[in-house]
Amino acid sequence: MKGRTGLGLAPWLVLLLLLPASGLTRPEGAGDRVLVADGLGPVRVGMTVEQAERALGARLRPRSVQEPSGCWITQRADGQDPGVAYMVVYNQIRRIDLHAHNKHVPGVRSATGIGIGSTEQSAYRAYGARLSVAPHKYTGADGGHYLTVDTPGGHSGLVFETFGGRVTQVRAGLRPELDYIEGCS
């Protein structure tokens, strides 16, 4: 039994099991309520609107007028998940947002369990040194923050907006849209 632990597992496997999950990718067996850098449920960042509609089994309807940049915000036309918005740029899903003011996104969390209502401290524990912190544009550092965790290479990630020490909005997707603060800008 050389090279094995008392558990009957190879030492490298034990170490692998002890490493924290990245929190940016969908864990095996995760349901449709897990928001990760590349999507939510069956909708993947990079899909066309038509692909996203097929994946959802529902049409998407505009929440905003398409801007000259080709960007617009949409949501499900069937009324399900009104707190979930999809940012579309030139017919491609580029970002997915969860909004606290609607409070209609029950159970949607990141792969590490962070979602609307979570504390900043829980986000720090979940993501550790991978989490970057910046003052909120409208409230300043005393009121809120942008807590960002990037995928390797920094082309996509998750942003948790906070106010009063709690997560109020979450967004996932690709850059540069991930960093937009006011809709398509």
N, C-alpha and C. Protein backbone atom coordinates (compact mmCIF):
# COMPACT_ATOMS: atom_id res chain seq x y z
N MET A 1 0.83 -1.21 0.00
CA MET A 1 0.00 0.00 0.00
C MET A 1 0.85 1.25 0.00
N LYS A 2 2.02 1.20 -0.54
CA LYS A 2 2.90 2.34 -0.60
C LYS A 2 2.24 3.46 -1.40
N GLY A 3 2.39 4.73 -0.92
CA GLY A 3 1.82 5.87 -1.61
C GLY A 3 0.33 6.06 -1.39
N ARG A 4 -0.23 5.43 -0.40
CA ARG A 4 -1.67 5.59 -0.13
C ARG A 4 -1.88 6.11 1.28
N THR A 5 -3.00 6.76 1.47
CA THR A 5 -3.36 7.25 2.80
C THR A 5 -4.15 6.18 3.51
N GLY A 6 -4.45 6.42 4.76
CA GLY A 6 -5.25 5.49 5.53
C GLY A 6 -6.68 5.37 5.00
N LEU A 7 -7.08 6.34 4.14
CA LEU A 7 -8.41 6.31 3.56
C LEU A 7 -8.46 5.47 2.29
N GLY A 8 -7.31 4.96 1.87
CA GLY A 8 -7.29 4.18 0.64
C GLY A 8 -7.26 5.05 -0.60
N LEU A 9 -6.97 6.35 -0.45
CA LEU A 9 -6.89 7.26 -1.58
C LEU A 9 -5.45 7.66 -1.81
N ALA A 10 -5.11 7.88 -3.06
CA ALA A 10 -3.77 8.37 -3.38
C ALA A 10 -3.61 9.75 -2.74
N PRO A 11 -2.41 10.07 -2.24
CA PRO A 11 -2.20 11.37 -1.58
C PRO A 11 -2.55 12.56 -2.47
N TRP A 12 -2.28 12.49 -3.77
CA TRP A 12 -2.60 13.60 -4.65
C TRP A 12 -4.11 13.80 -4.76
N LEU A 13 -4.87 12.71 -4.68
CA LEU A 13 -6.32 12.81 -4.75
C LEU A 13 -6.86 13.48 -3.49
N VAL A 14 -6.29 13.16 -2.35
CA VAL A 14 -6.70 13.79 -1.09
C VAL A 14 -6.46 15.30 -1.18
N LEU A 15 -5.27 15.70 -1.69
CA LEU A 15 -4.98 17.12 -1.83
C LEU A 15 -5.96 17.79 -2.79
N LEU A 16 -6.27 17.13 -3.90
CA LEU A 16 -7.21 17.68 -4.86
C LEU A 16 -8.58 17.89 -4.23
N LEU A 17 -9.02 16.96 -3.42
CA LEU A 17 -10.32 17.08 -2.77
C LEU A 17 -10.35 18.21 -1.75
N LEU A 18 -9.20 18.54 -1.19
CA LEU A 18 -9.13 19.60 -0.19
C LEU A 18 -9.04 20.99 -0.80
N LEU A 19 -8.67 21.10 -2.09
CA LEU A 19 -8.57 22.40 -2.73
C LEU A 19 -9.95 23.01 -2.91
N PRO A 20 -10.08 24.32 -2.70
CA PRO A 20 -11.39 24.94 -2.89
C PRO A 20 -11.75 24.98 -4.37
N ALA A 21 -13.04 24.85 -4.65
CA ALA A 21 -13.51 24.97 -6.03
C ALA A 21 -13.29 26.40 -6.50
N SER A 22 -13.13 26.59 -7.78
CA SER A 22 -12.88 27.93 -8.30
C SER A 22 -14.06 28.86 -8.06
N GLY A 23 -15.26 28.31 -8.00
CA GLY A 23 -16.43 29.14 -7.81
C GLY A 23 -16.84 29.87 -9.08
N LEU A 24 -16.15 29.61 -10.18
CA LEU A 24 -16.45 30.28 -11.43
C LEU A 24 -16.98 29.31 -12.48
N THR A 25 -16.90 28.04 -12.18
CA THR A 25 -17.39 27.02 -13.12
C THR A 25 -18.48 26.22 -12.45
N ARG A 26 -19.34 25.67 -13.27
CA ARG A 26 -20.49 24.91 -12.78
C ARG A 26 -20.02 23.59 -12.18
N PRO A 27 -20.33 23.35 -10.91
CA PRO A 27 -19.98 22.07 -10.30
C PRO A 27 -20.79 20.95 -10.94
N GLU A 28 -20.21 19.77 -11.00
CA GLU A 28 -20.91 18.60 -11.53
C GLU A 28 -22.23 18.40 -10.78
N GLY A 29 -23.30 18.24 -11.51
CA GLY A 29 -24.60 17.98 -10.90
C GLY A 29 -25.32 19.23 -10.40
N ALA A 30 -24.73 20.42 -10.65
CA ALA A 30 -25.39 21.65 -10.20
C ALA A 30 -26.66 21.87 -11.02
N GLY A 31 -27.67 22.36 -10.38
CA GLY A 31 -28.94 22.63 -11.05
C GLY A 31 -28.92 23.92 -11.83
N ASP A 32 -30.10 24.35 -12.23
CA ASP A 32 -30.25 25.54 -13.05
C ASP A 32 -30.17 26.83 -12.25
N ARG A 33 -29.93 26.78 -10.96
CA ARG A 33 -29.92 27.97 -10.12
C ARG A 33 -28.50 28.38 -9.73
N VAL A 34 -27.49 27.93 -10.50
CA VAL A 34 -26.10 28.27 -10.20
C VAL A 34 -25.60 29.24 -11.27
N LEU A 35 -25.22 30.45 -10.84
CA LEU A 35 -24.67 31.46 -11.74
C LEU A 35 -23.15 31.34 -11.71
N VAL A 36 -22.57 31.13 -12.86
CA VAL A 36 -21.12 31.04 -12.99
C VAL A 36 -20.68 31.99 -14.09
N ALA A 37 -19.39 32.16 -14.26
CA ALA A 37 -18.86 33.13 -15.22
C ALA A 37 -19.38 32.90 -16.63
N ASP A 38 -19.71 31.66 -16.97
CA ASP A 38 -20.14 31.40 -18.34
C ASP A 38 -21.64 31.16 -18.49
N GLY A 39 -22.43 31.40 -17.45
CA GLY A 39 -23.87 31.29 -17.66
C GLY A 39 -24.69 30.99 -16.42
N LEU A 40 -25.98 30.81 -16.68
CA LEU A 40 -26.96 30.48 -15.64
C LEU A 40 -27.88 29.41 -16.21
N GLY A 41 -27.96 28.29 -15.53
CA GLY A 41 -28.80 27.21 -16.00
C GLY A 41 -28.41 26.81 -17.41
N PRO A 42 -29.40 26.70 -18.31
CA PRO A 42 -29.08 26.26 -19.66
C PRO A 42 -28.54 27.37 -20.56
N VAL A 43 -28.56 28.62 -20.10
CA VAL A 43 -28.10 29.74 -20.92
C VAL A 43 -26.61 29.96 -20.69
N ARG A 44 -25.87 29.95 -21.78
CA ARG A 44 -24.43 30.17 -21.73
C ARG A 44 -24.09 31.51 -22.34
N VAL A 45 -23.17 32.21 -21.72
CA VAL A 45 -22.64 33.44 -22.29
C VAL A 45 -22.01 33.06 -23.64
N GLY A 46 -22.32 33.84 -24.67
CA GLY A 46 -21.84 33.55 -26.01
C GLY A 46 -22.92 32.99 -26.92
N MET A 47 -24.02 32.50 -26.33
CA MET A 47 -25.14 32.00 -27.15
C MET A 47 -25.79 33.16 -27.90
N THR A 48 -26.42 32.83 -29.02
CA THR A 48 -27.26 33.82 -29.68
C THR A 48 -28.57 33.90 -28.91
N VAL A 49 -29.36 34.93 -29.19
CA VAL A 49 -30.67 35.06 -28.54
C VAL A 49 -31.52 33.84 -28.87
N GLU A 50 -31.49 33.39 -30.11
CA GLU A 50 -32.29 32.23 -30.52
C GLU A 50 -31.85 30.96 -29.76
N GLN A 51 -30.56 30.76 -29.60
CA GLN A 51 -30.07 29.60 -28.84
C GLN A 51 -30.51 29.68 -27.39
N ALA A 52 -30.45 30.88 -26.80
CA ALA A 52 -30.86 31.06 -25.40
C ALA A 52 -32.36 30.78 -25.26
N GLU A 53 -33.15 31.25 -26.20
CA GLU A 53 -34.60 31.00 -26.15
C GLU A 53 -34.89 29.50 -26.24
N ARG A 54 -34.20 28.79 -27.11
CA ARG A 54 -34.40 27.33 -27.20
C ARG A 54 -33.99 26.67 -25.89
N ALA A 55 -32.87 27.10 -25.33
CA ALA A 55 -32.38 26.50 -24.08
C ALA A 55 -33.36 26.74 -22.93
N LEU A 56 -33.95 27.93 -22.88
CA LEU A 56 -34.91 28.28 -21.82
C LEU A 56 -36.30 27.71 -22.07
N GLY A 57 -36.60 27.46 -23.33
CA GLY A 57 -37.97 27.07 -23.68
C GLY A 57 -38.92 28.24 -23.55
N ALA A 58 -38.39 29.45 -23.71
CA ALA A 58 -39.19 30.68 -23.59
C ALA A 58 -38.56 31.76 -24.45
N ARG A 59 -39.39 32.64 -24.94
CA ARG A 59 -38.89 33.79 -25.71
C ARG A 59 -38.28 34.81 -24.74
N LEU A 60 -37.38 35.62 -25.27
CA LEU A 60 -36.82 36.74 -24.52
C LEU A 60 -37.43 38.01 -25.08
N ARG A 61 -37.74 38.94 -24.17
CA ARG A 61 -38.31 40.21 -24.62
C ARG A 61 -37.42 41.35 -24.14
N PRO A 62 -37.32 42.38 -24.95
CA PRO A 62 -36.46 43.52 -24.59
C PRO A 62 -36.96 44.25 -23.35
N ARG A 63 -36.03 44.61 -22.49
CA ARG A 63 -36.32 45.51 -21.36
C ARG A 63 -35.82 46.91 -21.68
N SER A 64 -34.97 47.01 -22.70
CA SER A 64 -34.43 48.30 -23.10
C SER A 64 -34.37 48.35 -24.62
N VAL A 65 -34.25 49.55 -25.15
CA VAL A 65 -34.14 49.76 -26.59
C VAL A 65 -32.70 49.45 -26.99
N GLN A 66 -32.53 48.84 -28.16
CA GLN A 66 -31.19 48.55 -28.64
C GLN A 66 -30.46 49.86 -28.89
N GLU A 67 -29.26 49.96 -28.33
CA GLU A 67 -28.46 51.16 -28.47
C GLU A 67 -27.65 51.10 -29.76
N PRO A 68 -27.09 52.24 -30.20
CA PRO A 68 -26.26 52.23 -31.41
C PRO A 68 -25.09 51.24 -31.32
N SER A 69 -24.68 50.92 -30.10
CA SER A 69 -23.58 49.97 -29.90
C SER A 69 -24.02 48.53 -30.16
N GLY A 70 -25.32 48.33 -30.45
CA GLY A 70 -25.84 46.98 -30.67
C GLY A 70 -26.20 46.28 -29.38
N CYS A 71 -26.20 47.00 -28.25
CA CYS A 71 -26.45 46.42 -26.94
C CYS A 71 -27.87 46.68 -26.48
N TRP A 72 -28.48 45.68 -25.85
CA TRP A 72 -29.80 45.83 -25.24
C TRP A 72 -29.94 44.81 -24.12
N ILE A 73 -30.90 45.06 -23.23
CA ILE A 73 -31.16 44.19 -22.09
C ILE A 73 -32.48 43.47 -22.34
N THR A 74 -32.51 42.18 -22.00
CA THR A 74 -33.70 41.38 -22.22
C THR A 74 -33.99 40.50 -21.01
N GLN A 75 -35.18 39.94 -20.96
CA GLN A 75 -35.54 38.99 -19.92
C GLN A 75 -36.59 38.04 -20.48
N ARG A 76 -36.92 37.01 -19.71
CA ARG A 76 -37.89 36.03 -20.17
C ARG A 76 -39.25 36.68 -20.39
N ALA A 77 -39.89 36.35 -21.52
CA ALA A 77 -41.21 36.89 -21.83
C ALA A 77 -42.32 36.17 -21.07
N ASP A 78 -42.03 34.98 -20.54
CA ASP A 78 -43.08 34.22 -19.83
C ASP A 78 -43.23 34.63 -18.37
N GLY A 79 -42.48 35.64 -17.93
CA GLY A 79 -42.62 36.16 -16.57
C GLY A 79 -41.83 35.40 -15.51
N GLN A 80 -41.22 34.29 -15.87
CA GLN A 80 -40.40 33.56 -14.89
C GLN A 80 -39.08 34.30 -14.68
N ASP A 81 -38.58 34.24 -13.47
CA ASP A 81 -37.30 34.87 -13.10
C ASP A 81 -37.21 36.34 -13.52
N PRO A 82 -38.15 37.20 -13.10
CA PRO A 82 -38.08 38.60 -13.50
C PRO A 82 -36.85 39.33 -12.96
N GLY A 83 -36.16 38.77 -11.99
CA GLY A 83 -34.95 39.39 -11.46
C GLY A 83 -33.69 39.02 -12.24
N VAL A 84 -33.85 38.23 -13.31
CA VAL A 84 -32.72 37.84 -14.14
C VAL A 84 -32.80 38.61 -15.45
N ALA A 85 -31.71 39.27 -15.82
CA ALA A 85 -31.64 40.01 -17.08
C ALA A 85 -30.45 39.51 -17.89
N TYR A 86 -30.61 39.53 -19.20
CA TYR A 86 -29.55 39.10 -20.12
C TYR A 86 -29.12 40.30 -20.95
N MET A 87 -27.83 40.59 -20.95
CA MET A 87 -27.30 41.66 -21.79
C MET A 87 -26.92 41.04 -23.13
N VAL A 88 -27.45 41.62 -24.20
CA VAL A 88 -27.22 41.13 -25.55
C VAL A 88 -26.45 42.19 -26.31
N VAL A 89 -25.39 41.77 -27.01
CA VAL A 89 -24.65 42.67 -27.89
C VAL A 89 -24.57 41.98 -29.25
N TYR A 90 -25.13 42.66 -30.26
CA TYR A 90 -25.18 42.10 -31.61
C TYR A 90 -25.63 40.65 -31.61
N ASN A 91 -26.79 40.42 -30.96
CA ASN A 91 -27.48 39.12 -30.92
C ASN A 91 -26.76 38.05 -30.12
N GLN A 92 -25.79 38.41 -29.31
CA GLN A 92 -25.06 37.43 -28.50
C GLN A 92 -25.20 37.76 -27.02
N ILE A 93 -25.55 36.75 -26.20
CA ILE A 93 -25.62 36.94 -24.75
C ILE A 93 -24.19 37.18 -24.26
N ARG A 94 -23.98 38.33 -23.62
CA ARG A 94 -22.63 38.69 -23.14
C ARG A 94 -22.55 38.74 -21.62
N ARG A 95 -23.72 38.90 -20.97
CA ARG A 95 -23.72 39.05 -19.51
C ARG A 95 -25.08 38.65 -18.98
N ILE A 96 -25.09 38.15 -17.73
CA ILE A 96 -26.33 37.79 -17.04
C ILE A 96 -26.32 38.50 -15.69
N ASP A 97 -27.42 39.19 -15.37
CA ASP A 97 -27.52 39.97 -14.14
C ASP A 97 -28.63 39.45 -13.24
N LEU A 98 -28.38 39.52 -11.92
CA LEU A 98 -29.40 39.28 -10.90
C LEU A 98 -29.60 40.59 -10.16
N HIS A 99 -30.85 41.00 -10.01
CA HIS A 99 -31.15 42.29 -9.37
C HIS A 99 -31.95 42.08 -8.09
N ALA A 100 -31.47 42.64 -7.00
CA ALA A 100 -32.11 42.49 -5.69
C ALA A 100 -33.42 43.24 -5.59
N HIS A 101 -33.56 44.35 -6.28
CA HIS A 101 -34.78 45.15 -6.10
C HIS A 101 -36.02 44.38 -6.51
N ASN A 102 -35.89 43.39 -7.35
CA ASN A 102 -37.04 42.57 -7.73
C ASN A 102 -37.30 41.44 -6.73
N LYS A 103 -36.25 40.95 -6.10
CA LYS A 103 -36.33 39.85 -5.13
C LYS A 103 -37.04 38.64 -5.71
N HIS A 104 -36.90 38.43 -7.01
CA HIS A 104 -37.52 37.28 -7.67
C HIS A 104 -36.47 36.36 -8.25
N VAL A 105 -35.40 36.17 -7.55
CA VAL A 105 -34.35 35.26 -8.01
C VAL A 105 -34.04 34.26 -6.89
N PRO A 106 -35.07 33.61 -6.35
CA PRO A 106 -34.83 32.73 -5.22
C PRO A 106 -33.89 31.58 -5.57
N GLY A 107 -32.97 31.35 -4.68
CA GLY A 107 -32.08 30.21 -4.81
C GLY A 107 -30.97 30.34 -5.82
N VAL A 108 -30.86 31.46 -6.55
CA VAL A 108 -29.76 31.60 -7.50
C VAL A 108 -28.53 32.06 -6.74
N ARG A 109 -27.48 31.28 -6.86
CA ARG A 109 -26.23 31.54 -6.15
C ARG A 109 -25.06 31.22 -7.07
N SER A 110 -23.89 31.70 -6.69
CA SER A 110 -22.67 31.30 -7.39
C SER A 110 -22.34 29.87 -6.99
N ALA A 111 -21.36 29.29 -7.63
CA ALA A 111 -20.96 27.91 -7.31
C ALA A 111 -20.47 27.78 -5.88
N THR A 112 -20.05 28.90 -5.26
CA THR A 112 -19.59 28.87 -3.87
C THR A 112 -20.70 29.26 -2.89
N GLY A 113 -21.91 29.50 -3.41
CA GLY A 113 -23.04 29.80 -2.53
C GLY A 113 -23.29 31.27 -2.29
N ILE A 114 -22.61 32.17 -3.00
CA ILE A 114 -22.81 33.60 -2.79
C ILE A 114 -23.90 34.11 -3.73
N GLY A 115 -24.84 34.86 -3.18
CA GLY A 115 -25.93 35.42 -3.97
C GLY A 115 -26.47 36.67 -3.32
N ILE A 116 -27.57 37.15 -3.83
CA ILE A 116 -28.20 38.35 -3.27
C ILE A 116 -28.54 38.09 -1.81
N GLY A 117 -28.13 39.03 -0.96
CA GLY A 117 -28.36 38.90 0.48
C GLY A 117 -27.16 38.35 1.24
N SER A 118 -26.21 37.73 0.52
CA SER A 118 -24.99 37.22 1.19
C SER A 118 -24.19 38.38 1.75
N THR A 119 -23.39 38.12 2.75
CA THR A 119 -22.54 39.17 3.32
C THR A 119 -21.24 39.28 2.53
N GLU A 120 -20.64 40.45 2.61
CA GLU A 120 -19.31 40.63 2.02
C GLU A 120 -18.33 39.64 2.62
N GLN A 121 -18.43 39.43 3.92
CA GLN A 121 -17.51 38.50 4.59
C GLN A 121 -17.62 37.09 4.03
N SER A 122 -18.83 36.66 3.70
CA SER A 122 -18.97 35.32 3.12
C SER A 122 -18.33 35.25 1.74
N ALA A 123 -18.40 36.34 0.98
CA ALA A 123 -17.73 36.38 -0.33
C ALA A 123 -16.21 36.32 -0.15
N TYR A 124 -15.69 37.04 0.85
CA TYR A 124 -14.24 37.00 1.12
C TYR A 124 -13.81 35.58 1.48
N ARG A 125 -14.61 34.91 2.31
CA ARG A 125 -14.27 33.53 2.69
C ARG A 125 -14.35 32.59 1.50
N ALA A 126 -15.35 32.79 0.65
CA ALA A 126 -15.56 31.88 -0.49
C ALA A 126 -14.49 32.03 -1.57
N TYR A 127 -14.04 33.26 -1.82
CA TYR A 127 -13.12 33.49 -2.93
C TYR A 127 -11.70 33.85 -2.52
N GLY A 128 -11.51 34.23 -1.27
CA GLY A 128 -10.17 34.51 -0.79
C GLY A 128 -9.43 35.57 -1.58
N ALA A 129 -8.16 35.32 -1.83
CA ALA A 129 -7.28 36.28 -2.50
C ALA A 129 -7.66 36.51 -3.96
N ARG A 130 -8.49 35.66 -4.52
CA ARG A 130 -8.91 35.85 -5.92
C ARG A 130 -9.91 36.99 -6.06
N LEU A 131 -10.47 37.46 -4.95
CA LEU A 131 -11.49 38.50 -4.96
C LEU A 131 -10.81 39.87 -4.93
N SER A 132 -11.13 40.72 -5.91
CA SER A 132 -10.64 42.10 -5.87
C SER A 132 -11.78 42.99 -5.41
N VAL A 133 -11.45 44.05 -4.70
CA VAL A 133 -12.45 44.93 -4.09
C VAL A 133 -12.22 46.35 -4.58
N ALA A 134 -13.31 47.01 -5.00
CA ALA A 134 -13.24 48.41 -5.41
C ALA A 134 -14.44 49.13 -4.81
N PRO A 135 -14.30 50.44 -4.53
CA PRO A 135 -15.43 51.20 -4.01
C PRO A 135 -16.55 51.27 -5.04
N HIS A 136 -17.78 51.28 -4.56
CA HIS A 136 -18.94 51.40 -5.44
C HIS A 136 -18.97 52.79 -6.04
N LYS A 137 -19.30 52.89 -7.31
CA LYS A 137 -19.28 54.18 -8.02
C LYS A 137 -20.23 55.20 -7.40
N TYR A 138 -21.37 54.75 -6.89
CA TYR A 138 -22.38 55.69 -6.40
C TYR A 138 -22.40 55.85 -4.89
N THR A 139 -21.93 54.86 -4.15
CA THR A 139 -21.99 54.96 -2.70
C THR A 139 -20.63 55.22 -2.07
N GLY A 140 -19.56 55.03 -2.84
CA GLY A 140 -18.22 55.14 -2.28
C GLY A 140 -17.92 53.95 -1.40
N ALA A 141 -16.69 53.87 -0.94
CA ALA A 141 -16.22 52.71 -0.16
C ALA A 141 -16.98 52.56 1.15
N ASP A 142 -17.51 53.65 1.70
CA ASP A 142 -18.22 53.56 2.97
C ASP A 142 -19.58 52.87 2.84
N GLY A 143 -20.19 52.95 1.66
CA GLY A 143 -21.52 52.38 1.49
C GLY A 143 -21.54 51.04 0.79
N GLY A 144 -20.67 50.85 -0.20
CA GLY A 144 -20.71 49.62 -0.96
C GLY A 144 -19.45 49.36 -1.75
N HIS A 145 -19.41 48.19 -2.36
CA HIS A 145 -18.23 47.76 -3.09
C HIS A 145 -18.60 46.97 -4.33
N TYR A 146 -17.63 46.84 -5.22
CA TYR A 146 -17.67 45.87 -6.30
C TYR A 146 -16.68 44.79 -5.91
N LEU A 147 -17.15 43.58 -5.71
CA LEU A 147 -16.30 42.44 -5.39
C LEU A 147 -16.22 41.61 -6.66
N THR A 148 -15.04 41.52 -7.25
CA THR A 148 -14.87 40.88 -8.55
C THR A 148 -13.94 39.69 -8.44
N VAL A 149 -14.34 38.61 -9.08
CA VAL A 149 -13.47 37.43 -9.19
C VAL A 149 -13.42 37.08 -10.68
N ASP A 150 -12.20 36.99 -11.20
CA ASP A 150 -11.98 36.75 -12.62
C ASP A 150 -11.63 35.31 -12.91
N THR A 151 -11.97 34.87 -14.12
CA THR A 151 -11.50 33.58 -14.60
C THR A 151 -10.03 33.75 -14.97
N PRO A 152 -9.28 32.66 -15.07
CA PRO A 152 -7.89 32.78 -15.52
C PRO A 152 -7.85 33.51 -16.87
N GLY A 153 -6.98 34.47 -16.98
CA GLY A 153 -6.90 35.29 -18.19
C GLY A 153 -7.71 36.57 -18.10
N GLY A 154 -8.68 36.62 -17.18
CA GLY A 154 -9.45 37.83 -16.93
C GLY A 154 -10.45 38.23 -18.00
N HIS A 155 -10.79 37.33 -18.92
CA HIS A 155 -11.73 37.68 -19.99
C HIS A 155 -13.19 37.61 -19.54
N SER A 156 -13.43 36.98 -18.39
CA SER A 156 -14.78 36.86 -17.86
C SER A 156 -14.70 36.72 -16.35
N GLY A 157 -15.85 36.72 -15.70
CA GLY A 157 -15.85 36.58 -14.25
C GLY A 157 -17.21 36.85 -13.65
N LEU A 158 -17.19 37.11 -12.35
CA LEU A 158 -18.38 37.44 -11.57
C LEU A 158 -18.13 38.75 -10.84
N VAL A 159 -19.16 39.59 -10.74
CA VAL A 159 -19.10 40.82 -9.96
C VAL A 159 -20.26 40.80 -8.98
N PHE A 160 -19.94 41.00 -7.69
CA PHE A 160 -20.95 41.11 -6.65
C PHE A 160 -20.98 42.57 -6.21
N GLU A 161 -22.10 43.25 -6.42
CA GLU A 161 -22.24 44.62 -5.94
C GLU A 161 -22.80 44.55 -4.54
N THR A 162 -22.24 45.36 -3.64
CA THR A 162 -22.71 45.34 -2.25
C THR A 162 -23.12 46.74 -1.80
N PHE A 163 -23.96 46.75 -0.80
CA PHE A 163 -24.33 47.97 -0.09
C PHE A 163 -24.59 47.57 1.35
N GLY A 164 -24.02 48.31 2.28
CA GLY A 164 -24.23 48.02 3.70
C GLY A 164 -23.74 46.63 4.10
N GLY A 165 -22.70 46.13 3.42
CA GLY A 165 -22.11 44.84 3.78
C GLY A 165 -22.83 43.63 3.20
N ARG A 166 -23.86 43.84 2.35
CA ARG A 166 -24.62 42.73 1.75
C ARG A 166 -24.63 42.83 0.23
N VAL A 167 -24.67 41.69 -0.42
CA VAL A 167 -24.73 41.64 -1.88
C VAL A 167 -26.13 42.06 -2.33
N THR A 168 -26.18 43.05 -3.23
CA THR A 168 -27.46 43.55 -3.74
C THR A 168 -27.67 43.22 -5.22
N GLN A 169 -26.60 43.01 -5.95
CA GLN A 169 -26.68 42.64 -7.36
C GLN A 169 -25.51 41.73 -7.69
N VAL A 170 -25.73 40.86 -8.66
CA VAL A 170 -24.66 39.96 -9.12
C VAL A 170 -24.71 39.96 -10.64
N ARG A 171 -23.53 39.92 -11.24
CA ARG A 171 -23.48 39.77 -12.70
C ARG A 171 -22.34 38.85 -13.08
N ALA A 172 -22.54 38.16 -14.20
CA ALA A 172 -21.55 37.22 -14.71
C ALA A 172 -21.45 37.40 -16.21
N GLY A 173 -20.27 37.22 -16.74
CA GLY A 173 -20.16 37.32 -18.19
C GLY A 173 -18.78 37.70 -18.67
N LEU A 174 -18.78 38.24 -19.88
CA LEU A 174 -17.56 38.57 -20.59
C LEU A 174 -17.22 40.04 -20.48
N ARG A 175 -15.95 40.35 -20.64
CA ARG A 175 -15.51 41.74 -20.70
C ARG A 175 -15.55 42.20 -22.15
N PRO A 176 -15.88 43.45 -22.39
CA PRO A 176 -15.95 44.54 -21.43
C PRO A 176 -17.30 44.67 -20.73
N GLU A 177 -18.34 43.94 -21.20
CA GLU A 177 -19.69 44.12 -20.67
C GLU A 177 -19.79 43.82 -19.18
N LEU A 178 -18.99 42.92 -18.66
CA LEU A 178 -19.01 42.59 -17.24
C LEU A 178 -18.75 43.84 -16.39
N ASP A 179 -17.95 44.74 -16.89
CA ASP A 179 -17.56 45.93 -16.13
C ASP A 179 -18.48 47.13 -16.33
N TYR A 180 -19.48 47.03 -17.22
CA TYR A 180 -20.42 48.13 -17.41
C TYR A 180 -21.21 48.33 -16.12
N ILE A 181 -21.41 49.56 -15.74
CA ILE A 181 -22.11 49.86 -14.49
C ILE A 181 -23.56 50.24 -14.74
N GLU A 182 -23.83 50.97 -15.79
CA GLU A 182 -25.19 51.43 -16.07
C GLU A 182 -25.69 50.77 -17.36
N GLY A 183 -26.22 49.59 -17.22
CA GLY A 183 -26.75 48.88 -18.39
C GLY A 183 -25.67 48.66 -19.43
N CYS A 184 -25.89 49.19 -20.63
CA CYS A 184 -24.97 48.96 -21.75
C CYS A 184 -23.81 49.94 -21.79
N SER A 185 -23.51 50.59 -20.68
CA SER A 185 -22.37 51.52 -20.67
C SER A 185 -21.63 51.47 -19.35
